[in-house]
Amino acid sequence: MILLSKTKSKVIAIDETRPISLLPCFSKLFEKCFLIHFRQWINEQGILPAEQTGFRPGHNMAVRIVAIIDQIGQSLAKNTAAAALFVDFRTAFNQLWFNGLWLKLSNLQCPLYLIAWLRHYLRGRKAYINIKSTSSTMFNLSKGVPQGSCIGPVLFIIYHHDILEALSTIHWKHLFADDLAVLFSPSPYMSSSNMINTLTEQIKHVLLRLIKYSIKWKQPINFSKTNWILFHRQVVPLIPNIICEGHNIEHVKKFKYLGTILDAKLSFTEHIDYIQAKIRINMNIYKRLASTRMTSEQINYKLYNAFIRPYLQSILNFFPILSLTKQKQLEGINRKIFRSIHRWFDARIIEIENLPKYKSISKLTYMHWDKLTQTILVTNPSVIEDFLQNNAALPSSSSDSQISSTAVTHSSSCISLGPPKQGGCHRTFISLYFNDIDPKKTSDHRNAQFVNYDLNARGQTIIKIRDLVKQSLRARNNK
C-alpha cells in the first residue's frame, strides 16, 4: 500500500493522504469476472437510485453537473435564493463496515454465492505501507475496501444505496460515489430574511438525518470539509452561521463540485479563470517542446488531447448558457491553441477554422450534448421530468399560435416554460431541445445558433416529449 498526498504541502498529515492498494494483476482480472455477475444482479433488482451516477457503466458524471446547474437556476428564475449543501465523508472507502455490508446484502436478497465470494474476498486482508523503499510491519484490515481495486467502488455504492432514503423529503439531491450534494429551494413568496433563515433550518434538518445515518452505519462525516453555499442575486445578503450538533458548517462563496467551480452568482467566471490558468501553464510547456522542432503534427495533436482538451471538456456542460463575450473569449483561446499546434501564428480566423482537424468549442458542444442527452433519456429521465414539472410560467391564451411560440427558456441556467423573454435570456442546451423559437425572429440572439441543431438526430423520443409539453399547455390553458 502506498500513500498519495491530497495536498501540495511538503509536510503532510496522515489524514491528508489517500492509501492506494497495489494489487496483483490476476486479482483485478478475477474481480472483473465477478463484477459481470454482480452488476447483472444489481441492474436486475434496480437497487441503485437514479441520483447515483458514480462507477456505473452507461452513466455520465456530466449528467449530475447539468442537473444541479438547472435546478439551482429554477430557484433563481423565480427571484428566490437557493442553497446547496456539499457533504464530505471522512476516508469514505476506508470506513466501509463489513458486518453492515453483509446485513444490507441479505436484506436486498443477494444470492448467497455472491455474498460468499465477497466474504472470502474481504476476510483476512493484510497490508503494509511502503514509503520511499521503507516498509512498515504487516497489519490486519478489519474495515474498508481496497482503493485501486475494480470491485471496491461498486461495493461502496451498494453499501450506501439507501443513503438518499434518509433525505426522502428533499427533491433535489445528487450523488456521485461519495460526493453528496443536496439542494434547497424556498417559496418565492417569502421575504429575503425569512427565505435565508428557512434555508438554514432545512440544512440543519438534513444534517441531523445524515448524522443519524452515519452513526448507524459507521460512516463518519468530515465536518471540516462539509460546506454550504447560498446562490442569490442580492448584493450583500446577511449569511447566518450554521451549527449542527456542535459542528460549524462553513459557508463558502464558491465550491468545486465534480470538477466544476460553482460560484454564488452562478456566473462560472471562477471556473473559466481556473481553466484558462491551467491551459496557460500547459501551453507554456508545449511551446517549449514545439520550439525544439522535434515534434510532428501528429505528436502535437496527441499532446493537445492529453493535456489541453480535458480542460476544455469541462466547459462543454454549460457553454451554451455563457454570455456571448465569454463564448468568443473561449473560442479565441481554442484558435490560439491550434495556431501553436501548426506553428502558424499569423493565421487568420477563417484559415484556422478550415483546418481539417479543427473543431470549434461550439462544435464540440454539439457532439458532447448529443451523446449526453441520449444518456439522460436512458439513465436519468428525472432530469426531463423536472423540466416537465417546472411549468409555472404559462401563456394566458390557449391558441395554438401562442403555444407554438412558447419557449423553454433559461434564466440563469434554469429550465422553465414560458413565452420568450426579451433580452438577457440564458438557455441550457437541454431547454433548447424543446425550443420552438425561430432564431431569426427572437430578440435573444445570444445562443440562437444552438436552436438550429438537427432535430431528426435526436430521435422520436424528443418529439414525443415536446408533444407532451404542448398537451400539458393546452390542458392548463383550457382550465
Protein backbone atom coordinates (compact mmCIF):
# COMPACT_ATOMS: atom_id res chain seq x y z
CA MET A 1 0.00 0.00 0.00
CA ILE A 2 1.30 3.45 -0.90
CA LEU A 3 0.11 6.84 0.37
CA LEU A 4 -0.69 9.63 -2.08
CA SER A 5 -0.93 13.20 -0.85
CA LYS A 6 -4.22 15.06 -1.20
CA THR A 7 -2.45 18.42 -0.91
CA LYS A 8 0.65 20.06 -2.34
CA SER A 9 2.12 20.77 1.09
CA LYS A 10 5.61 19.47 1.85
CA VAL A 11 4.59 18.47 5.40
CA ILE A 12 1.65 16.08 5.12
CA ALA A 13 -0.58 14.83 7.92
CA ILE A 14 -1.89 11.27 7.93
CA ASP A 15 -5.49 12.35 7.30
CA GLU A 16 -4.32 14.26 4.19
CA THR A 17 -3.17 11.10 2.42
CA ARG A 18 -5.00 8.62 0.23
CA PRO A 19 -3.96 4.95 0.62
CA ILE A 20 -3.77 3.09 -2.70
CA SER A 21 -3.58 -0.69 -2.63
CA LEU A 22 -1.12 -2.28 -5.06
CA LEU A 23 -2.97 -5.44 -6.04
CA PRO A 24 -1.87 -8.32 -8.29
CA CYS A 25 -3.00 -8.04 -11.90
CA PHE A 26 -4.55 -11.51 -11.73
CA SER A 27 -6.64 -10.37 -8.77
CA LYS A 28 -8.05 -7.45 -10.78
CA LEU A 29 -8.85 -9.78 -13.67
CA PHE A 30 -10.73 -12.08 -11.29
CA GLU A 31 -12.61 -9.08 -9.87
CA LYS A 32 -13.78 -8.03 -13.34
CA CYS A 33 -15.10 -11.52 -13.99
CA PHE A 34 -17.03 -11.40 -10.71
CA LEU A 35 -18.38 -7.92 -11.48
CA ILE A 36 -20.12 -9.25 -14.59
CA HIS A 37 -22.42 -11.36 -12.39
CA PHE A 38 -22.61 -8.84 -9.53
CA ARG A 39 -23.60 -5.92 -11.77
CA GLN A 40 -26.16 -8.08 -13.55
CA TRP A 41 -27.87 -8.74 -10.21
CA ILE A 42 -27.68 -5.04 -9.28
CA ASN A 43 -29.27 -3.93 -12.56
CA GLU A 44 -31.98 -6.60 -12.50
CA GLN A 45 -33.04 -5.59 -8.99
CA GLY A 46 -32.83 -1.84 -9.66
CA ILE A 47 -31.08 -1.23 -6.35
CA LEU A 48 -29.16 1.95 -7.05
CA PRO A 49 -31.05 5.27 -7.13
CA ALA A 50 -31.11 7.33 -10.31
CA GLU A 51 -29.25 10.11 -8.49
CA GLN A 52 -26.19 7.85 -8.06
CA THR A 53 -24.03 8.24 -11.15
CA GLY A 54 -20.61 7.16 -9.92
CA PHE A 55 -18.99 3.90 -11.07
CA ARG A 56 -22.00 2.81 -13.12
CA PRO A 57 -21.47 1.73 -16.74
CA GLY A 58 -23.51 3.80 -19.18
CA HIS A 59 -23.85 6.72 -16.76
CA ASN A 60 -22.13 10.07 -17.10
CA MET A 61 -20.81 12.43 -14.45
CA ALA A 62 -21.82 15.38 -16.63
CA VAL A 63 -25.49 14.49 -16.05
CA ARG A 64 -25.12 15.40 -12.38
CA ILE A 65 -23.38 18.67 -13.21
CA VAL A 66 -26.03 19.69 -15.75
CA ALA A 67 -28.87 18.72 -13.41
CA ILE A 68 -27.53 20.66 -10.44
CA ILE A 69 -26.97 23.78 -12.56
CA ASP A 70 -30.51 23.64 -13.96
CA GLN A 71 -32.07 23.06 -10.55
CA ILE A 72 -30.22 25.99 -8.99
CA GLY A 73 -31.41 28.12 -11.88
CA GLN A 74 -35.01 27.12 -11.31
CA SER A 75 -34.89 28.94 -7.99
CA LEU A 76 -33.00 31.94 -9.33
CA ALA A 77 -35.53 32.30 -12.16
CA LYS A 78 -38.28 32.77 -9.56
CA ASN A 79 -36.26 35.57 -7.94
CA THR A 80 -35.56 33.39 -4.93
CA ALA A 81 -32.37 32.14 -3.37
CA ALA A 82 -31.14 28.57 -3.41
CA ALA A 83 -28.81 26.75 -1.05
CA ALA A 84 -26.58 23.77 -1.67
CA LEU A 85 -25.05 21.52 0.97
CA PHE A 86 -21.94 19.59 -0.03
CA VAL A 87 -21.24 16.69 2.34
CA ASP A 88 -17.82 15.09 2.65
CA PHE A 89 -17.35 11.69 4.29
CA ARG A 90 -14.11 11.03 6.16
CA THR A 91 -11.97 8.42 4.34
CA ALA A 92 -15.15 7.06 2.80
CA PHE A 93 -13.81 3.92 1.10
CA ASN A 94 -11.65 3.02 4.09
CA GLN A 95 -14.58 3.12 6.53
CA LEU A 96 -16.86 0.54 4.90
CA TRP A 97 -18.24 -1.66 7.69
CA PHE A 98 -18.17 -5.34 6.71
CA ASN A 99 -20.97 -6.51 9.02
CA GLY A 100 -23.17 -3.68 7.78
CA LEU A 101 -22.44 -4.71 4.19
CA TRP A 102 -23.48 -8.33 4.86
CA LEU A 103 -26.67 -7.14 6.55
CA LYS A 104 -27.64 -4.88 3.67
CA LEU A 105 -26.88 -7.52 1.05
CA SER A 106 -29.01 -10.02 2.96
CA ASN A 107 -31.89 -7.54 3.19
CA LEU A 108 -31.59 -7.00 -0.56
CA GLN A 109 -31.85 -10.79 -1.03
CA CYS A 110 -28.48 -11.01 -2.70
CA PRO A 111 -27.70 -14.57 -3.92
CA LEU A 112 -25.72 -16.50 -1.33
CA TYR A 113 -22.94 -17.41 -3.74
CA LEU A 114 -22.24 -13.71 -4.35
CA ILE A 115 -22.13 -12.97 -0.62
CA ALA A 116 -19.86 -15.97 -0.05
CA TRP A 117 -17.44 -14.75 -2.72
CA LEU A 118 -17.35 -11.27 -1.19
CA ARG A 119 -16.79 -12.66 2.30
CA HIS A 120 -13.83 -14.64 1.06
CA TYR A 121 -12.52 -11.59 -0.82
CA LEU A 122 -12.67 -9.18 2.13
CA ARG A 123 -11.92 -11.56 5.02
CA GLY A 124 -8.42 -11.78 6.48
CA ARG A 125 -6.92 -8.99 4.40
CA LYS A 126 -3.50 -7.72 5.43
CA ALA A 127 -1.39 -4.84 4.21
CA TYR A 128 1.78 -2.87 4.80
CA ILE A 129 2.73 0.69 3.88
CA ASN A 130 5.72 1.45 1.70
CA ILE A 131 7.19 4.97 1.69
CA LYS A 132 10.45 5.63 -0.17
CA SER A 133 11.57 2.00 -0.05
CA THR A 134 10.80 1.79 3.67
CA SER A 135 8.10 -0.71 4.61
CA SER A 136 6.01 -0.90 7.77
CA THR A 137 5.07 -4.04 9.62
CA MET A 138 2.13 -6.09 8.38
CA PHE A 139 -1.26 -5.19 9.88
CA ASN A 140 -4.81 -6.54 9.57
CA LEU A 141 -7.64 -4.69 7.79
CA SER A 142 -10.97 -5.07 9.56
CA LYS A 143 -12.89 -2.49 7.50
CA GLY A 144 -12.75 -0.65 4.20
CA VAL A 145 -12.40 -1.72 0.59
CA PRO A 146 -9.06 -1.57 -1.24
CA GLN A 147 -8.66 1.63 -3.24
CA GLY A 148 -7.26 0.71 -6.61
CA SER A 149 -9.43 -2.38 -6.95
CA CYS A 150 -12.20 -2.83 -9.51
CA ILE A 151 -14.80 -4.05 -7.04
CA GLY A 152 -14.18 -1.58 -4.19
CA PRO A 153 -16.17 1.38 -5.61
CA VAL A 154 -19.08 -0.89 -6.57
CA LEU A 155 -19.28 -2.29 -3.04
CA PHE A 156 -19.24 1.25 -1.68
CA ILE A 157 -22.19 2.49 -3.74
CA ILE A 158 -24.13 -0.69 -2.93
CA TYR A 159 -23.43 -0.23 0.78
CA HIS A 160 -24.81 3.31 0.63
CA HIS A 161 -27.65 2.63 -1.80
CA ASP A 162 -30.15 3.79 0.84
CA ILE A 163 -28.43 6.97 1.98
CA LEU A 164 -30.87 9.10 -0.03
CA GLU A 165 -33.80 7.46 1.77
CA ALA A 166 -32.73 9.49 4.80
CA LEU A 167 -33.43 12.55 2.63
CA SER A 168 -36.76 11.38 1.23
CA THR A 169 -38.40 14.77 1.84
CA ILE A 170 -35.77 16.55 -0.29
CA HIS A 171 -36.50 16.55 -4.02
CA TRP A 172 -33.13 17.70 -5.35
CA LYS A 173 -30.17 15.55 -4.33
CA HIS A 174 -27.12 14.38 -6.25
CA LEU A 175 -24.67 11.59 -5.57
CA PHE A 176 -21.50 10.62 -7.37
CA ALA A 177 -19.88 7.80 -5.38
CA ASP A 178 -19.24 9.54 -2.03
CA ASP A 179 -19.76 13.13 -3.27
CA LEU A 180 -23.18 14.14 -1.93
CA ALA A 181 -24.88 17.43 -2.84
CA VAL A 182 -28.31 18.49 -1.56
CA LEU A 183 -30.20 21.48 -2.99
CA PHE A 184 -32.81 23.57 -1.20
CA SER A 185 -35.31 25.94 -2.79
CA PRO A 186 -37.68 28.10 -0.69
CA SER A 187 -41.04 29.53 -1.61
CA PRO A 188 -40.85 32.60 -3.90
CA TYR A 189 -43.40 34.39 -1.69
CA MET A 190 -41.06 34.63 1.30
CA SER A 191 -39.14 37.74 2.22
CA SER A 192 -35.38 37.64 1.77
CA SER A 193 -34.65 37.34 5.50
CA ASN A 194 -37.23 34.60 6.07
CA MET A 195 -36.03 32.85 2.93
CA ILE A 196 -32.43 32.55 4.13
CA ASN A 197 -33.49 31.53 7.64
CA THR A 198 -35.72 28.83 6.17
CA LEU A 199 -32.84 27.51 4.08
CA THR A 200 -30.54 27.30 7.10
CA GLU A 201 -33.16 25.42 9.10
CA GLN A 202 -33.63 22.95 6.25
CA ILE A 203 -29.87 22.41 6.07
CA LYS A 204 -29.74 21.70 9.81
CA HIS A 205 -32.60 19.23 9.48
CA VAL A 206 -30.83 17.36 6.66
CA LEU A 207 -27.56 17.31 8.59
CA LEU A 208 -29.28 15.77 11.61
CA ARG A 209 -30.62 12.99 9.39
CA LEU A 210 -27.22 12.39 7.82
CA ILE A 211 -25.53 12.32 11.23
CA LYS A 212 -28.02 9.71 12.38
CA TYR A 213 -27.32 7.65 9.26
CA SER A 214 -23.55 7.99 9.61
CA ILE A 215 -23.63 6.81 13.24
CA LYS A 216 -25.85 3.84 12.45
CA TRP A 217 -23.73 2.62 9.52
CA LYS A 218 -20.34 3.78 10.83
CA GLN A 219 -19.60 6.22 8.03
CA PRO A 220 -18.32 9.39 9.75
CA ILE A 221 -18.87 12.82 8.21
CA ASN A 222 -15.91 15.14 7.73
CA PHE A 223 -17.44 18.38 9.02
CA SER A 224 -14.28 20.38 8.32
CA LYS A 225 -14.80 19.80 4.58
CA THR A 226 -18.60 19.90 4.61
CA ASN A 227 -19.66 23.29 3.24
CA TRP A 228 -22.75 25.09 2.09
CA ILE A 229 -23.23 27.88 -0.42
CA LEU A 230 -26.05 30.35 -0.96
CA PHE A 231 -26.94 31.11 -4.58
CA HIS A 232 -28.58 34.52 -4.82
CA ARG A 233 -28.84 37.80 -6.72
CA GLN A 234 -28.64 40.17 -3.77
CA VAL A 235 -25.69 42.49 -3.38
CA VAL A 236 -24.65 41.67 0.19
CA PRO A 237 -27.06 39.24 1.87
CA LEU A 238 -26.75 38.53 5.57
CA ILE A 239 -25.43 34.97 5.86
CA PRO A 240 -26.15 33.26 9.21
CA ASN A 241 -23.87 30.66 10.78
CA ILE A 242 -24.97 27.04 10.75
CA ILE A 243 -24.02 24.98 13.81
CA CYS A 244 -25.30 21.41 14.00
CA GLU A 245 -24.53 19.08 16.90
CA GLY A 246 -21.63 21.32 17.88
CA HIS A 247 -20.13 21.31 14.38
CA ASN A 248 -19.76 24.56 12.44
CA ILE A 249 -20.73 24.20 8.77
CA GLU A 250 -18.66 26.72 6.86
CA HIS A 251 -20.35 28.96 4.32
CA VAL A 252 -18.34 29.45 1.13
CA LYS A 253 -18.80 31.73 -1.88
CA LYS A 254 -17.64 29.09 -4.35
CA PHE A 255 -17.31 25.32 -4.33
CA LYS A 256 -15.71 22.85 -6.69
CA TYR A 257 -18.19 20.03 -7.28
CA LEU A 258 -17.23 17.21 -9.63
CA GLY A 259 -14.57 19.37 -11.26
CA THR A 260 -16.83 22.39 -11.87
CA ILE A 261 -16.49 25.53 -9.74
CA LEU A 262 -19.93 26.85 -8.77
CA ASP A 263 -20.00 30.46 -7.56
CA ALA A 264 -22.75 32.22 -5.63
CA LYS A 265 -23.95 34.13 -8.72
CA LEU A 266 -23.76 31.06 -10.98
CA SER A 267 -21.69 33.04 -13.47
CA PHE A 268 -18.96 30.38 -13.97
CA THR A 269 -16.36 33.14 -14.03
CA GLU A 270 -14.27 31.39 -11.37
CA HIS A 271 -14.30 28.14 -13.32
CA ILE A 272 -13.39 29.77 -16.62
CA ASP A 273 -10.49 31.62 -14.97
CA TYR A 274 -9.31 28.34 -13.46
CA ILE A 275 -9.47 26.57 -16.83
CA GLN A 276 -7.63 29.40 -18.58
CA ALA A 277 -4.85 29.29 -15.96
CA LYS A 278 -4.42 25.53 -16.39
CA ILE A 279 -4.36 25.80 -20.19
CA ARG A 280 -1.85 28.64 -19.99
CA ILE A 281 0.53 26.54 -17.88
CA ASN A 282 0.30 23.54 -20.21
CA MET A 283 0.66 25.73 -23.29
CA ASN A 284 3.90 27.20 -21.94
CA ILE A 285 5.30 23.68 -21.59
CA TYR A 286 4.02 22.77 -25.04
CA LYS A 287 5.60 25.85 -26.65
CA ARG A 288 8.98 24.86 -25.23
CA LEU A 289 8.65 21.44 -26.82
CA ALA A 290 7.46 22.93 -30.10
CA SER A 291 10.35 25.39 -30.22
CA THR A 292 12.80 22.48 -30.49
CA ARG A 293 11.05 21.41 -33.74
CA MET A 294 11.38 17.79 -32.64
CA THR A 295 7.61 17.20 -32.51
CA SER A 296 5.48 16.36 -35.52
CA GLU A 297 1.89 17.42 -36.13
CA GLN A 298 0.67 14.01 -35.00
CA ILE A 299 2.54 14.28 -31.71
CA ASN A 300 1.25 17.82 -31.25
CA TYR A 301 -2.34 16.60 -31.51
CA LYS A 302 -1.63 13.81 -29.02
CA LEU A 303 -0.24 16.37 -26.58
CA TYR A 304 -3.32 18.53 -27.17
CA ASN A 305 -5.72 15.65 -26.48
CA ALA A 306 -3.79 14.63 -23.35
CA PHE A 307 -3.06 17.95 -21.65
CA ILE A 308 -5.42 20.62 -23.03
CA ARG A 309 -8.60 19.03 -24.37
CA PRO A 310 -9.67 17.62 -20.93
CA TYR A 311 -9.86 21.16 -19.55
CA LEU A 312 -11.97 22.35 -22.48
CA GLN A 313 -14.23 19.33 -21.97
CA SER A 314 -15.37 20.60 -18.57
CA ILE A 315 -16.68 23.79 -20.18
CA LEU A 316 -18.97 21.98 -22.62
CA ASN A 317 -21.54 21.25 -19.89
CA PHE A 318 -22.50 24.93 -19.59
CA PHE A 319 -21.00 26.56 -22.70
CA PRO A 320 -24.42 27.25 -24.36
CA ILE A 321 -25.58 29.41 -21.43
CA LEU A 322 -22.46 31.55 -21.24
CA SER A 323 -22.62 35.14 -22.41
CA LEU A 324 -21.60 35.90 -25.97
CA THR A 325 -18.47 37.66 -24.69
CA LYS A 326 -17.29 34.61 -22.75
CA GLN A 327 -18.06 32.31 -25.67
CA LYS A 328 -15.97 34.43 -28.03
CA GLN A 329 -13.17 34.56 -25.47
CA LEU A 330 -13.04 30.77 -25.19
CA GLU A 331 -13.23 30.32 -28.96
CA GLY A 332 -10.27 32.68 -29.30
CA ILE A 333 -8.23 30.60 -26.86
CA ASN A 334 -9.11 27.47 -28.82
CA ARG A 335 -7.94 29.02 -32.10
CA LYS A 336 -4.73 30.21 -30.44
CA ILE A 337 -4.01 26.63 -29.40
CA PHE A 338 -4.38 25.39 -32.98
CA ARG A 339 -2.08 28.13 -34.22
CA SER A 340 0.58 26.75 -31.88
CA ILE A 341 -0.08 23.15 -32.96
CA HIS A 342 0.52 24.01 -36.62
CA ARG A 343 3.15 26.68 -35.89
CA TRP A 344 1.01 29.03 -37.96
CA PHE A 345 1.00 32.06 -35.68
CA ASP A 346 -0.19 34.61 -38.26
CA ALA A 347 -3.14 32.52 -39.47
CA ARG A 348 -6.46 34.31 -39.79
CA ILE A 349 -9.65 33.05 -38.16
CA ILE A 350 -11.08 31.64 -41.39
CA GLU A 351 -7.81 29.82 -42.10
CA ILE A 352 -7.83 28.17 -38.67
CA GLU A 353 -11.49 27.18 -38.99
CA ASN A 354 -10.78 25.48 -42.34
CA LEU A 355 -8.12 23.20 -40.88
CA PRO A 356 -9.16 19.52 -41.30
CA LYS A 357 -8.86 18.62 -37.60
CA TYR A 358 -10.06 21.91 -36.15
CA LYS A 359 -13.25 21.81 -34.09
CA SER A 360 -14.67 24.91 -32.51
CA ILE A 361 -15.95 24.75 -28.94
CA SER A 362 -19.47 25.14 -30.34
CA LYS A 363 -18.98 22.04 -32.49
CA LEU A 364 -17.53 20.14 -29.53
CA THR A 365 -20.58 21.19 -27.53
CA TYR A 366 -22.91 19.77 -30.20
CA MET A 367 -21.08 16.45 -30.13
CA HIS A 368 -20.94 16.36 -26.32
CA TRP A 369 -24.61 17.18 -25.79
CA ASP A 370 -25.84 14.85 -28.49
CA LYS A 371 -24.34 11.93 -26.55
CA LEU A 372 -25.20 13.36 -23.14
CA THR A 373 -28.87 13.87 -23.95
CA GLN A 374 -29.22 10.25 -25.03
CA THR A 375 -27.61 9.23 -21.73
CA ILE A 376 -30.05 11.42 -19.80
CA LEU A 377 -33.06 9.90 -21.54
CA VAL A 378 -31.85 6.35 -20.84
CA THR A 379 -30.33 6.59 -17.36
CA ASN A 380 -31.69 9.77 -15.73
CA PRO A 381 -35.11 10.69 -17.16
CA SER A 382 -35.81 12.59 -13.93
CA VAL A 383 -33.85 15.48 -15.45
CA ILE A 384 -36.50 15.69 -18.18
CA GLU A 385 -39.27 15.16 -15.61
CA ASP A 386 -38.07 18.23 -13.73
CA PHE A 387 -38.41 20.15 -16.97
CA LEU A 388 -41.98 18.92 -17.49
CA GLN A 389 -43.00 19.73 -13.91
CA ASN A 390 -41.43 23.19 -13.82
CA ASN A 391 -44.13 24.91 -15.88
CA ALA A 392 -45.11 27.71 -13.57
CA ALA A 393 -44.86 30.46 -16.20
CA LEU A 394 -47.60 29.68 -18.72
CA PRO A 395 -49.09 31.76 -21.56
CA SER A 396 -52.50 33.26 -20.87
CA SER A 397 -54.05 32.29 -24.22
CA SER A 398 -54.84 28.78 -25.36
CA SER A 399 -54.45 29.38 -29.07
CA ASP A 400 -52.18 27.08 -31.00
CA SER A 401 -50.22 30.02 -32.30
CA GLN A 402 -49.34 31.06 -28.78
CA ILE A 403 -48.49 27.51 -27.78
CA SER A 404 -46.20 27.13 -30.75
CA SER A 405 -44.37 30.30 -29.76
CA THR A 406 -43.97 29.14 -26.18
CA ALA A 407 -40.33 28.53 -25.45
CA VAL A 408 -38.42 26.54 -22.98
CA THR A 409 -36.41 29.46 -21.73
CA HIS A 410 -33.46 29.51 -19.44
CA SER A 411 -32.85 32.28 -16.96
CA SER A 412 -29.56 31.97 -15.13
CA SER A 413 -29.36 28.30 -16.12
CA CYS A 414 -32.94 27.39 -15.28
CA ILE A 415 -35.32 25.15 -17.17
CA SER A 416 -38.78 26.75 -17.23
CA LEU A 417 -41.77 27.03 -19.52
CA GLY A 418 -42.91 30.44 -20.64
CA PRO A 419 -43.11 32.87 -23.52
CA PRO A 420 -39.83 34.12 -24.97
CA LYS A 421 -38.19 36.78 -22.83
CA GLN A 422 -36.91 39.98 -24.34
CA GLY A 423 -33.14 40.16 -23.99
CA GLY A 424 -30.80 38.84 -21.33
CA CYS A 425 -32.26 35.35 -21.51
CA HIS A 426 -29.95 32.41 -20.92
CA ARG A 427 -30.73 28.90 -22.10
CA THR A 428 -29.25 25.50 -21.48
CA PHE A 429 -28.78 23.03 -24.26
CA ILE A 430 -31.43 20.79 -22.68
CA SER A 431 -34.02 23.55 -22.87
CA LEU A 432 -33.12 24.22 -26.50
CA TYR A 433 -34.01 20.64 -27.32
CA PHE A 434 -37.61 21.71 -26.71
CA ASN A 435 -37.34 25.15 -28.32
CA ASP A 436 -39.84 26.22 -30.98
CA ILE A 437 -38.40 29.72 -31.44
CA ASP A 438 -37.14 30.81 -34.81
CA PRO A 439 -33.67 32.23 -34.10
CA LYS A 440 -34.24 34.90 -36.77
CA LYS A 441 -37.38 36.20 -35.03
CA THR A 442 -36.41 36.04 -31.39
CA SER A 443 -34.73 39.05 -29.84
CA ASP A 444 -32.37 36.80 -27.90
CA HIS A 445 -29.51 36.14 -30.29
CA ARG A 446 -27.08 35.10 -27.56
CA ASN A 447 -27.38 31.38 -28.14
CA ALA A 448 -29.55 31.32 -31.24
CA GLN A 449 -27.03 29.18 -33.11
CA PHE A 450 -27.85 26.23 -30.86
CA VAL A 451 -31.50 26.29 -31.95
CA ASN A 452 -30.51 25.26 -35.47
CA TYR A 453 -29.37 21.82 -34.38
CA ASP A 454 -30.88 18.99 -36.42
CA LEU A 455 -33.96 17.68 -34.61
CA ASN A 456 -34.02 14.39 -36.51
CA ALA A 457 -30.69 13.39 -34.97
CA ARG A 458 -32.31 13.24 -31.55
CA GLY A 459 -34.87 10.64 -32.49
CA GLN A 460 -38.56 10.23 -31.90
CA THR A 461 -38.21 10.37 -28.11
CA ILE A 462 -37.60 14.11 -28.13
CA ILE A 463 -40.59 14.68 -30.41
CA LYS A 464 -42.84 12.73 -28.04
CA ILE A 465 -41.65 14.80 -25.08
CA ARG A 466 -42.32 18.01 -26.99
CA ASP A 467 -45.84 16.76 -27.76
CA LEU A 468 -46.36 16.08 -24.04
CA VAL A 469 -45.31 19.65 -23.29
CA LYS A 470 -47.81 21.08 -25.78
CA GLN A 471 -50.60 18.82 -24.46
CA SER A 472 -49.84 19.97 -20.93
CA LEU A 473 -50.00 23.61 -22.01
CA ARG A 474 -53.32 23.09 -23.81
CA ALA A 475 -54.81 21.36 -20.76
CA ARG A 476 -53.70 24.13 -18.41
CA ASN A 477 -54.97 26.87 -20.71
CA ASN A 478 -58.34 25.17 -21.20
CA LYS A 479 -58.78 25.17 -17.44
